[in-house]
Amino acid sequence: MAKSVAKTRAKRIVLGVAVLGIVVFAVQGGEYGTSDLVRQRTRRERLESRIDSLTRLVDSLERRKRAIRTDAATQERIAREEFGMVKGEKELLYRFAEP
């Protein structure tokens, strides 16, 4: 009688461990476990943030490009700053060249 109780108890323990193993594998195992899904969600949020910042950068560069192509004041400012150009009759340009 004691042996049959011990056998029944051992079977229940083995069955419980097997069921627990199946539940753990269902939650954590496989290609898309819970921890993997959390990692993927975090990575997706980082990538979306990066995409947003790059989109803003592209938009500002496109506005600058449009201003350089079409806005006369921007073109004049760049010509003055980059190339030392002058405009008008009141300004004189002196260039000193090496002999």
PDB file of N, CA and C in Angstrom:
ATOM      1  N   MET A   1       0.813  -1.196   0.000  1.00  0.00           N
ATOM      2  CA  MET A   1       0.000   0.000   0.000  1.00  0.00           C
ATOM      3  C   MET A   1       0.857   1.262   0.000  1.00  0.00           C
ATOM      4  N   ALA A   2       1.907   1.265   0.788  1.00  0.00           N
ATOM      5  CA  ALA A   2       2.796   2.426   0.837  1.00  0.00           C
ATOM      6  C   ALA A   2       3.495   2.629  -0.496  1.00  0.00           C
ATOM      7  N   LYS A   3       3.791   1.465  -1.164  1.00  0.00           N
ATOM      8  CA  LYS A   3       4.455   1.583  -2.468  1.00  0.00           C
ATOM      9  C   LYS A   3       3.513   2.173  -3.516  1.00  0.00           C
ATOM     10  N   SER A   4       2.246   1.820  -3.487  1.00  0.00           N
ATOM     11  CA  SER A   4       1.302   2.347  -4.474  1.00  0.00           C
ATOM     12  C   SER A   4       1.048   3.837  -4.259  1.00  0.00           C
ATOM     13  N   VAL A   5       1.035   4.274  -2.993  1.00  0.00           N
ATOM     14  CA  VAL A   5       0.882   5.704  -2.705  1.00  0.00           C
ATOM     15  C   VAL A   5       2.109   6.458  -3.194  1.00  0.00           C
ATOM     16  N   ALA A   6       3.276   5.891  -2.975  1.00  0.00           N
ATOM     17  CA  ALA A   6       4.525   6.516  -3.424  1.00  0.00           C
ATOM     18  C   ALA A   6       4.574   6.570  -4.948  1.00  0.00           C
ATOM     19  N   LYS A   7       4.116   5.480  -5.601  1.00  0.00           N
ATOM     20  CA  LYS A   7       4.086   5.465  -7.068  1.00  0.00           C
ATOM     21  C   LYS A   7       3.128   6.516  -7.607  1.00  0.00           C
ATOM     22  N   THR A   8       1.957   6.616  -7.007  1.00  0.00           N
ATOM     23  CA  THR A   8       0.960   7.597  -7.436  1.00  0.00           C
ATOM     24  C   THR A   8       1.501   9.007  -7.242  1.00  0.00           C
ATOM     25  N   ARG A   9       2.149   9.236  -6.121  1.00  0.00           N
ATOM     26  CA  ARG A   9       2.738  10.552  -5.839  1.00  0.00           C
ATOM     27  C   ARG A   9       3.839  10.870  -6.849  1.00  0.00           C
ATOM     28  N   ALA A  10       4.661   9.898  -7.166  1.00  0.00           N
ATOM     29  CA  ALA A  10       5.749  10.094  -8.133  1.00  0.00           C
ATOM     30  C   ALA A  10       5.172  10.393  -9.524  1.00  0.00           C
ATOM     31  N   LYS A  11       4.104   9.697  -9.910  1.00  0.00           N
ATOM     32  CA  LYS A  11       3.478   9.946 -11.206  1.00  0.00           C
ATOM     33  C   LYS A  11       2.906  11.359 -11.272  1.00  0.00           C
ATOM     34  N   ARG A  12       2.288  11.789 -10.166  1.00  0.00           N
ATOM     35  CA  ARG A  12       1.735  13.146 -10.133  1.00  0.00           C
ATOM     36  C   ARG A  12       2.843  14.190 -10.248  1.00  0.00           C
ATOM     37  N   ILE A  13       3.953  13.948  -9.572  1.00  0.00           N
ATOM     38  CA  ILE A  13       5.078  14.899  -9.623  1.00  0.00           C
ATOM     39  C   ILE A  13       5.636  14.959 -11.049  1.00  0.00           C
ATOM     40  N   VAL A  14       5.825  13.801 -11.660  1.00  0.00           N
ATOM     41  CA  VAL A  14       6.343  13.763 -13.028  1.00  0.00           C
ATOM     42  C   VAL A  14       5.365  14.442 -13.982  1.00  0.00           C
ATOM     43  N   LEU A  15       4.082  14.160 -13.811  1.00  0.00           N
ATOM     44  CA  LEU A  15       3.076  14.792 -14.651  1.00  0.00           C
ATOM     45  C   LEU A  15       3.048  16.308 -14.438  1.00  0.00           C
ATOM     46  N   GLY A  16       3.146  16.748 -13.197  1.00  0.00           N
ATOM     47  CA  GLY A  16       3.177  18.185 -12.886  1.00  0.00           C
ATOM     48  C   GLY A  16       4.380  18.872 -13.500  1.00  0.00           C
ATOM     49  N   VAL A  17       5.551  18.221 -13.401  1.00  0.00           N
ATOM     50  CA  VAL A  17       6.765  18.788 -13.996  1.00  0.00           C
ATOM     51  C   VAL A  17       6.613  18.851 -15.518  1.00  0.00           C
ATOM     52  N   ALA A  18       6.030  17.812 -16.121  1.00  0.00           N
ATOM     53  CA  ALA A  18       5.828  17.801 -17.573  1.00  0.00           C
ATOM     54  C   ALA A  18       4.881  18.922 -18.003  1.00  0.00           C
ATOM     55  N   VAL A  19       3.778  19.090 -17.274  1.00  0.00           N
ATOM     56  CA  VAL A  19       2.824  20.151 -17.603  1.00  0.00           C
ATOM     57  C   VAL A  19       3.487  21.512 -17.431  1.00  0.00           C
ATOM     58  N   LEU A  20       4.246  21.692 -16.347  1.00  0.00           N
ATOM     59  CA  LEU A  20       4.956  22.949 -16.119  1.00  0.00           C
ATOM     60  C   LEU A  20       5.967  23.225 -17.242  1.00  0.00           C
ATOM     61  N   GLY A  21       6.664  22.174 -17.673  1.00  0.00           N
ATOM     62  CA  GLY A  21       7.609  22.323 -18.783  1.00  0.00           C
ATOM     63  C   GLY A  21       6.911  22.738 -20.072  1.00  0.00           C
ATOM     64  N   ILE A  22       5.750  22.148 -20.332  1.00  0.00           N
ATOM     65  CA  ILE A  22       4.988  22.496 -21.534  1.00  0.00           C
ATOM     66  C   ILE A  22       4.516  23.949 -21.470  1.00  0.00           C
ATOM     67  N   VAL A  23       4.052  24.380 -20.313  1.00  0.00           N
ATOM     68  CA  VAL A  23       3.584  25.768 -20.158  1.00  0.00           C
ATOM     69  C   VAL A  23       4.745  26.740 -20.339  1.00  0.00           C
ATOM     70  N   VAL A  24       5.893  26.432 -19.725  1.00  0.00           N
ATOM     71  CA  VAL A  24       7.065  27.316 -19.859  1.00  0.00           C
ATOM     72  C   VAL A  24       7.495  27.387 -21.322  1.00  0.00           C
ATOM     73  N   PHE A  25       7.518  26.250 -22.014  1.00  0.00           N
ATOM     74  CA  PHE A  25       7.907  26.259 -23.428  1.00  0.00           C
ATOM     75  C   PHE A  25       6.909  27.044 -24.265  1.00  0.00           C
ATOM     76  N   ALA A  26       5.630  26.945 -23.934  1.00  0.00           N
ATOM     77  CA  ALA A  26       4.609  27.674 -24.687  1.00  0.00           C
ATOM     78  C   ALA A  26       4.779  29.182 -24.531  1.00  0.00           C
ATOM     79  N   VAL A  27       5.204  29.614 -23.345  1.00  0.00           N
ATOM     80  CA  VAL A  27       5.348  31.045 -23.095  1.00  0.00           C
ATOM     81  C   VAL A  27       6.708  31.552 -23.574  1.00  0.00           C
ATOM     82  N   GLN A  28       7.784  30.836 -23.270  1.00  0.00           N
ATOM     83  CA  GLN A  28       9.121  31.331 -23.549  1.00  0.00           C
ATOM     84  C   GLN A  28       9.787  30.654 -24.741  1.00  0.00           C
ATOM     85  N   GLY A  29       9.393  29.480 -25.081  1.00  0.00           N
ATOM     86  CA  GLY A  29      10.107  28.715 -26.092  1.00  0.00           C
ATOM     87  C   GLY A  29       9.727  29.106 -27.499  1.00  0.00           C
ATOM     88  N   GLY A  30      10.398  28.475 -28.426  1.00  0.00           N
ATOM     89  CA  GLY A  30      10.093  28.710 -29.826  1.00  0.00           C
ATOM     90  C   GLY A  30      10.783  29.944 -30.364  1.00  0.00           C
ATOM     91  N   GLU A  31      10.475  30.255 -31.597  1.00  0.00           N
ATOM     92  CA  GLU A  31      11.131  31.365 -32.283  1.00  0.00           C
ATOM     93  C   GLU A  31      10.700  32.717 -31.729  1.00  0.00           C
ATOM     94  N   TYR A  32       9.454  32.844 -31.332  1.00  0.00           N
ATOM     95  CA  TYR A  32       8.937  34.116 -30.851  1.00  0.00           C
ATOM     96  C   TYR A  32       8.470  33.982 -29.407  1.00  0.00           C
ATOM     97  N   GLY A  33       9.422  33.839 -28.507  1.00  0.00           N
ATOM     98  CA  GLY A  33       9.108  33.785 -27.090  1.00  0.00           C
ATOM     99  C   GLY A  33       8.766  35.167 -26.569  1.00  0.00           C
ATOM    100  N   THR A  34       8.291  35.201 -25.345  1.00  0.00           N
ATOM    101  CA  THR A  34       7.881  36.469 -24.744  1.00  0.00           C
ATOM    102  C   THR A  34       9.045  37.454 -24.660  1.00  0.00           C
ATOM    103  N   SER A  35      10.203  36.991 -24.215  1.00  0.00           N
ATOM    104  CA  SER A  35      11.352  37.902 -24.104  1.00  0.00           C
ATOM    105  C   SER A  35      11.782  38.403 -25.483  1.00  0.00           C
ATOM    106  N   ASP A  36      11.700  37.548 -26.507  1.00  0.00           N
ATOM    107  CA  ASP A  36      12.039  37.969 -27.869  1.00  0.00           C
ATOM    108  C   ASP A  36      11.060  39.019 -28.376  1.00  0.00           C
ATOM    109  N   LEU A  37       9.793  38.846 -28.073  1.00  0.00           N
ATOM    110  CA  LEU A  37       8.796  39.836 -28.497  1.00  0.00           C
ATOM    111  C   LEU A  37       9.014  41.177 -27.811  1.00  0.00           C
ATOM    112  N   VAL A  38       9.395  41.159 -26.528  1.00  0.00           N
ATOM    113  CA  VAL A  38       9.689  42.410 -25.810  1.00  0.00           C
ATOM    114  C   VAL A  38      10.901  43.079 -26.437  1.00  0.00           C
ATOM    115  N   ARG A  39      11.921  42.303 -26.763  1.00  0.00           N
ATOM    116  CA  ARG A  39      13.124  42.843 -27.399  1.00  0.00           C
ATOM    117  C   ARG A  39      12.796  43.452 -28.760  1.00  0.00           C
ATOM    118  N   GLN A  40      11.966  42.770 -29.532  1.00  0.00           N
ATOM    119  CA  GLN A  40      11.577  43.284 -30.847  1.00  0.00           C
ATOM    120  C   GLN A  40      10.768  44.574 -30.724  1.00  0.00           C
ATOM    121  N   ARG A  41       9.894  44.652 -29.739  1.00  0.00           N
ATOM    122  CA  ARG A  41       9.098  45.865 -29.543  1.00  0.00           C
ATOM    123  C   ARG A  41      10.012  47.045 -29.182  1.00  0.00           C
ATOM    124  N   THR A  42      10.976  46.813 -28.298  1.00  0.00           N
ATOM    125  CA  THR A  42      11.914  47.870 -27.921  1.00  0.00           C
ATOM    126  C   THR A  42      12.723  48.333 -29.135  1.00  0.00           C
ATOM    127  N   ARG A  43      13.186  47.382 -29.931  1.00  0.00           N
ATOM    128  CA  ARG A  43      13.963  47.732 -31.128  1.00  0.00           C
ATOM    129  C   ARG A  43      13.107  48.516 -32.118  1.00  0.00           C
ATOM    130  N   ARG A  44      11.846  48.103 -32.289  1.00  0.00           N
ATOM    131  CA  ARG A  44      10.948  48.812 -33.199  1.00  0.00           C
ATOM    132  C   ARG A  44      10.737  50.260 -32.754  1.00  0.00           C
ATOM    133  N   GLU A  45      10.581  50.469 -31.446  1.00  0.00           N
ATOM    134  CA  GLU A  45      10.394  51.832 -30.941  1.00  0.00           C
ATOM    135  C   GLU A  45      11.630  52.683 -31.194  1.00  0.00           C
ATOM    136  N   ARG A  46      12.822  52.098 -30.997  1.00  0.00           N
ATOM    137  CA  ARG A  46      14.065  52.835 -31.281  1.00  0.00           C
ATOM    138  C   ARG A  46      14.163  53.184 -32.756  1.00  0.00           C
ATOM    139  N   LEU A  47      13.827  52.235 -33.621  1.00  0.00           N
ATOM    140  CA  LEU A  47      13.894  52.482 -35.068  1.00  0.00           C
ATOM    141  C   LEU A  47      12.873  53.529 -35.503  1.00  0.00           C
ATOM    142  N   GLU A  48      11.676  53.496 -34.937  1.00  0.00           N
ATOM    143  CA  GLU A  48      10.671  54.506 -35.281  1.00  0.00           C
ATOM    144  C   GLU A  48      11.130  55.893 -34.850  1.00  0.00           C
ATOM    145  N   SER A  49      11.770  55.976 -33.698  1.00  0.00           N
ATOM    146  CA  SER A  49      12.300  57.261 -33.245  1.00  0.00           C
ATOM    147  C   SER A  49      13.379  57.759 -34.195  1.00  0.00           C
ATOM    148  N   ARG A  50      14.243  56.865 -34.620  1.00  0.00           N
ATOM    149  CA  ARG A  50      15.316  57.227 -35.560  1.00  0.00           C
ATOM    150  C   ARG A  50      14.728  57.672 -36.900  1.00  0.00           C
ATOM    151  N   ILE A  51      13.706  56.977 -37.360  1.00  0.00           N
ATOM    152  CA  ILE A  51      13.051  57.349 -38.618  1.00  0.00           C
ATOM    153  C   ILE A  51      12.440  58.738 -38.507  1.00  0.00           C
ATOM    154  N   ASP A  52      11.798  59.032 -37.374  1.00  0.00           N
ATOM    155  CA  ASP A  52      11.206  60.360 -37.179  1.00  0.00           C
ATOM    156  C   ASP A  52      12.265  61.455 -37.229  1.00  0.00           C
ATOM    157  N   SER A  53      13.402  61.234 -36.552  1.00  0.00           N
ATOM    158  CA  SER A  53      14.436  62.266 -36.552  1.00  0.00           C
ATOM    159  C   SER A  53      15.047  62.434 -37.942  1.00  0.00           C
ATOM    160  N   LEU A  54      15.241  61.335 -38.657  1.00  0.00           N
ATOM    161  CA  LEU A  54      15.782  61.447 -40.019  1.00  0.00           C
ATOM    162  C   LEU A  54      14.789  62.105 -40.968  1.00  0.00           C
ATOM    163  N   THR A  55      13.497  61.868 -40.764  1.00  0.00           N
ATOM    164  CA  THR A  55      12.476  62.518 -41.586  1.00  0.00           C
ATOM    165  C   THR A  55      12.499  64.022 -41.375  1.00  0.00           C
ATOM    166  N   ARG A  56      12.634  64.446 -40.119  1.00  0.00           N
ATOM    167  CA  ARG A  56      12.730  65.888 -39.842  1.00  0.00           C
ATOM    168  C   ARG A  56      13.985  66.480 -40.483  1.00  0.00           C
ATOM    169  N   LEU A  57      15.098  65.763 -40.437  1.00  0.00           N
ATOM    170  CA  LEU A  57      16.333  66.244 -41.047  1.00  0.00           C
ATOM    171  C   LEU A  57      16.172  66.381 -42.555  1.00  0.00           C
ATOM    172  N   VAL A  58      15.587  65.403 -43.203  1.00  0.00           N
ATOM    173  CA  VAL A  58      15.374  65.456 -44.652  1.00  0.00           C
ATOM    174  C   VAL A  58      14.457  66.627 -45.010  1.00  0.00           C
ATOM    175  N   ASP A  59      13.402  66.829 -44.224  1.00  0.00           N
ATOM    176  CA  ASP A  59      12.487  67.940 -44.494  1.00  0.00           C
ATOM    177  C   ASP A  59      13.208  69.282 -44.398  1.00  0.00           C
ATOM    178  N   SER A  60      14.049  69.456 -43.371  1.00  0.00           N
ATOM    179  CA  SER A  60      14.759  70.731 -43.237  1.00  0.00           C
ATOM    180  C   SER A  60      15.764  70.920 -44.370  1.00  0.00           C
ATOM    181  N   LEU A  61      16.416  69.842 -44.794  1.00  0.00           N
ATOM    182  CA  LEU A  61      17.351  69.952 -45.919  1.00  0.00           C
ATOM    183  C   LEU A  61      16.620  70.269 -47.223  1.00  0.00           C
ATOM    184  N   GLU A  62      15.436  69.706 -47.406  1.00  0.00           N
ATOM    185  CA  GLU A  62      14.660  70.027 -48.608  1.00  0.00           C
ATOM    186  C   GLU A  62      14.215  71.489 -48.600  1.00  0.00           C
ATOM    187  N   ARG A  63      13.837  72.006 -47.428  1.00  0.00           N
ATOM    188  CA  ARG A  63      13.468  73.431 -47.349  1.00  0.00           C
ATOM    189  C   ARG A  63      14.672  74.307 -47.671  1.00  0.00           C
ATOM    190  N   ARG A  64      15.840  73.930 -47.162  1.00  0.00           N
ATOM    191  CA  ARG A  64      17.055  74.705 -47.445  1.00  0.00           C
ATOM    192  C   ARG A  64      17.399  74.641 -48.932  1.00  0.00           C
ATOM    193  N   LYS A  65      17.284  73.472 -49.522  1.00  0.00           N
ATOM    194  CA  LYS A  65      17.564  73.316 -50.953  1.00  0.00           C
ATOM    195  C   LYS A  65      16.622  74.189 -51.784  1.00  0.00           C
ATOM    196  N   ARG A  66      15.347  74.179 -51.432  1.00  0.00           N
ATOM    197  CA  ARG A  66      14.360  74.995 -52.148  1.00  0.00           C
ATOM    198  C   ARG A  66      14.695  76.475 -52.000  1.00  0.00           C
ATOM    199  N   ALA A  67      15.102  76.890 -50.790  1.00  0.00           N
ATOM    200  CA  ALA A  67      15.452  78.297 -50.568  1.00  0.00           C
ATOM    201  C   ALA A  67      16.678  78.681 -51.388  1.00  0.00           C
ATOM    202  N   ILE A  68      17.655  77.804 -51.472  1.00  0.00           N
ATOM    203  CA  ILE A  68      18.862  78.109 -52.250  1.00  0.00           C
ATOM    204  C   ILE A  68      18.532  78.220 -53.731  1.00  0.00           C
ATOM    205  N   ARG A  69      17.633  77.398 -54.207  1.00  0.00           N
ATOM    206  CA  ARG A  69      17.282  77.436 -55.630  1.00  0.00           C
ATOM    207  C   ARG A  69      16.392  78.608 -56.006  1.00  0.00           C
ATOM    208  N   THR A  70      15.508  79.030 -55.098  1.00  0.00           N
ATOM    209  CA  THR A  70      14.483  79.998 -55.503  1.00  0.00           C
ATOM    210  C   THR A  70      14.552  81.344 -54.790  1.00  0.00           C
ATOM    211  N   ASP A  71      15.092  81.420 -53.591  1.00  0.00           N
ATOM    212  CA  ASP A  71      15.063  82.647 -52.800  1.00  0.00           C
ATOM    213  C   ASP A  71      16.298  83.500 -53.096  1.00  0.00           C
ATOM    214  N   ALA A  72      16.078  84.685 -53.636  1.00  0.00           N
ATOM    215  CA  ALA A  72      17.182  85.563 -54.017  1.00  0.00           C
ATOM    216  C   ALA A  72      17.979  86.026 -52.799  1.00  0.00           C
ATOM    217  N   ALA A  73      17.320  86.294 -51.697  1.00  0.00           N
ATOM    218  CA  ALA A  73      18.025  86.746 -50.500  1.00  0.00           C
ATOM    219  C   ALA A  73      18.958  85.656 -49.981  1.00  0.00           C
ATOM    220  N   THR A  74      18.516  84.429 -50.013  1.00  0.00           N
ATOM    221  CA  THR A  74      19.369  83.320 -49.581  1.00  0.00           C
ATOM    222  C   THR A  74      20.545  83.154 -50.527  1.00  0.00           C
ATOM    223  N   GLN A  75      20.302  83.263 -51.810  1.00  0.00           N
ATOM    224  CA  GLN A  75      21.385  83.150 -52.781  1.00  0.00           C
ATOM    225  C   GLN A  75      22.419  84.255 -52.581  1.00  0.00           C
ATOM    226  N   GLU A  76      21.939  85.475 -52.328  1.00  0.00           N
ATOM    227  CA  GLU A  76      22.856  86.594 -52.114  1.00  0.00           C
ATOM    228  C   GLU A  76      23.664  86.396 -50.831  1.00  0.00           C
ATOM    229  N   ARG A  77      23.017  85.939 -49.778  1.00  0.00           N
ATOM    230  CA  ARG A  77      23.724  85.716 -48.513  1.00  0.00           C
ATOM    231  C   ARG A  77      24.826  84.678 -48.682  1.00  0.00           C
ATOM    232  N   ILE A  78      24.517  83.607 -49.402  1.00  0.00           N
ATOM    233  CA  ILE A  78      25.527  82.564 -49.626  1.00  0.00           C
ATOM    234  C   ILE A  78      26.662  83.105 -50.483  1.00  0.00           C
ATOM    235  N   ALA A  79      26.326  83.887 -51.498  1.00  0.00           N
ATOM    236  CA  ALA A  79      27.356  84.465 -52.362  1.00  0.00           C
ATOM    237  C   ALA A  79      28.283  85.378 -51.555  1.00  0.00           C
ATOM    238  N   ARG A  80      27.722  86.151 -50.635  1.00  0.00           N
ATOM    239  CA  ARG A  80      28.555  87.033 -49.809  1.00  0.00           C
ATOM    240  C   ARG A  80      29.418  86.240 -48.838  1.00  0.00           C
ATOM    241  N   GLU A  81      28.803  85.261 -48.161  1.00  0.00           N
ATOM    242  CA  GLU A  81      29.538  84.512 -47.140  1.00  0.00           C
ATOM    243  C   GLU A  81      30.581  83.575 -47.738  1.00  0.00           C
ATOM    244  N   GLU A  82      30.228  82.859 -48.781  1.00  0.00           N
ATOM    245  CA  GLU A  82      31.109  81.835 -49.324  1.00  0.00           C
ATOM    246  C   GLU A  82      32.128  82.370 -50.326  1.00  0.00           C
ATOM    247  N   PHE A  83      31.688  83.310 -51.150  1.00  0.00           N
ATOM    248  CA  PHE A  83      32.545  83.732 -52.251  1.00  0.00           C
ATOM    249  C   PHE A  83      33.024  85.171 -52.143  1.00  0.00           C
ATOM    250  N   GLY A  84      32.622  85.884 -51.102  1.00  0.00           N
ATOM    251  CA  GLY A  84      33.065  87.251 -50.906  1.00  0.00           C
ATOM    252  C   GLY A  84      32.534  88.210 -51.946  1.00  0.00           C
ATOM    253  N   MET A  85      31.398  87.905 -52.525  1.00  0.00           N
ATOM    254  CA  MET A  85      30.841  88.760 -53.564  1.00  0.00           C
ATOM    255  C   MET A  85      30.156  89.969 -52.937  1.00  0.00           C
ATOM    256  N   VAL A  86      30.107  91.053 -53.723  1.00  0.00           N
ATOM    257  CA  VAL A  86      29.459  92.284 -53.274  1.00  0.00           C
ATOM    258  C   VAL A  86      28.399  92.676 -54.288  1.00  0.00           C
ATOM    259  N   LYS A  87      27.491  93.568 -53.846  1.00  0.00           N
ATOM    260  CA  LYS A  87      26.410  93.996 -54.722  1.00  0.00           C
ATOM    261  C   LYS A  87      26.209  95.489 -54.519  1.00  0.00           C
ATOM    262  N   GLY A  88      25.832  96.131 -55.561  1.00  0.00           N
ATOM    263  CA  GLY A  88      25.490  97.537 -55.453  1.00  0.00           C
ATOM    264  C   GLY A  88      26.641  98.438 -55.860  1.00  0.00           C
ATOM    265  N   GLU A  89      26.361  99.740 -55.885  1.00  0.00           N
ATOM    266  CA  GLU A  89      27.356 100.708 -56.303  1.00  0.00           C
ATOM    267  C   GLU A  89      28.051 101.327 -55.109  1.00  0.00           C
ATOM    268  N   LYS A  90      27.556 101.121 -53.905  1.00  0.00           N
ATOM    269  CA  LYS A  90      28.150 101.737 -52.724  1.00  0.00           C
ATOM    270  C   LYS A  90      29.274 100.880 -52.143  1.00  0.00           C
ATOM    271  N   GLU A  91      29.356  99.661 -52.542  1.00  0.00           N
ATOM    272  CA  GLU A  91      30.376  98.788 -51.990  1.00  0.00           C
ATOM    273  C   GLU A  91      31.526  98.670 -52.983  1.00  0.00           C
ATOM    274  N   LEU A  92      32.723  98.662 -52.440  1.00  0.00           N
ATOM    275  CA  LEU A  92      33.907  98.486 -53.256  1.00  0.00           C
ATOM    276  C   LEU A  92      34.587  97.186 -52.848  1.00  0.00           C
ATOM    277  N   LEU A  93      35.080  96.506 -53.823  1.00  0.00           N
ATOM    278  CA  LEU A  93      35.752  95.255 -53.559  1.00  0.00           C
ATOM    279  C   LEU A  93      37.235  95.439 -53.841  1.00  0.00           C
ATOM    280  N   TYR A  94      38.058  95.189 -52.829  1.00  0.00           N
ATOM    281  CA  TYR A  94      39.500  95.261 -53.001  1.00  0.00           C
ATOM    282  C   TYR A  94      40.042  93.845 -52.912  1.00  0.00           C
ATOM    283  N   ARG A  95      40.835  93.506 -53.903  1.00  0.00           N
ATOM    284  CA  ARG A  95      41.484  92.202 -53.877  1.00  0.00           C
ATOM    285  C   ARG A  95      42.979  92.424 -53.904  1.00  0.00           C
ATOM    286  N   PHE A  96      43.608  91.770 -52.972  1.00  0.00           N
ATOM    287  CA  PHE A  96      45.066  91.872 -52.890  1.00  0.00           C
ATOM    288  C   PHE A  96      45.647  90.550 -53.368  1.00  0.00           C
ATOM    289  N   ALA A  97      46.384  90.605 -54.435  1.00  0.00           N
ATOM    290  CA  ALA A  97      46.959  89.406 -55.018  1.00  0.00           C
ATOM    291  C   ALA A  97      48.449  89.362 -54.721  1.00  0.00           C
ATOM    292  N   GLU A  98      48.947  88.213 -54.548  1.00  0.00           N
ATOM    293  CA  GLU A  98      50.384  88.034 -54.343  1.00  0.00           C
ATOM    294  C   GLU A  98      51.086  88.317 -55.666  1.00  0.00           C
ATOM    295  N   PRO A  99      52.226  88.977 -55.627  1.00  0.00           N
ATOM    296  CA  PRO A  99      52.941  89.246 -56.895  1.00  0.00           C
ATOM    297  C   PRO A  99      53.499  87.988 -57.531  1.00  0.00           C
TER     298      PRO A  99
END
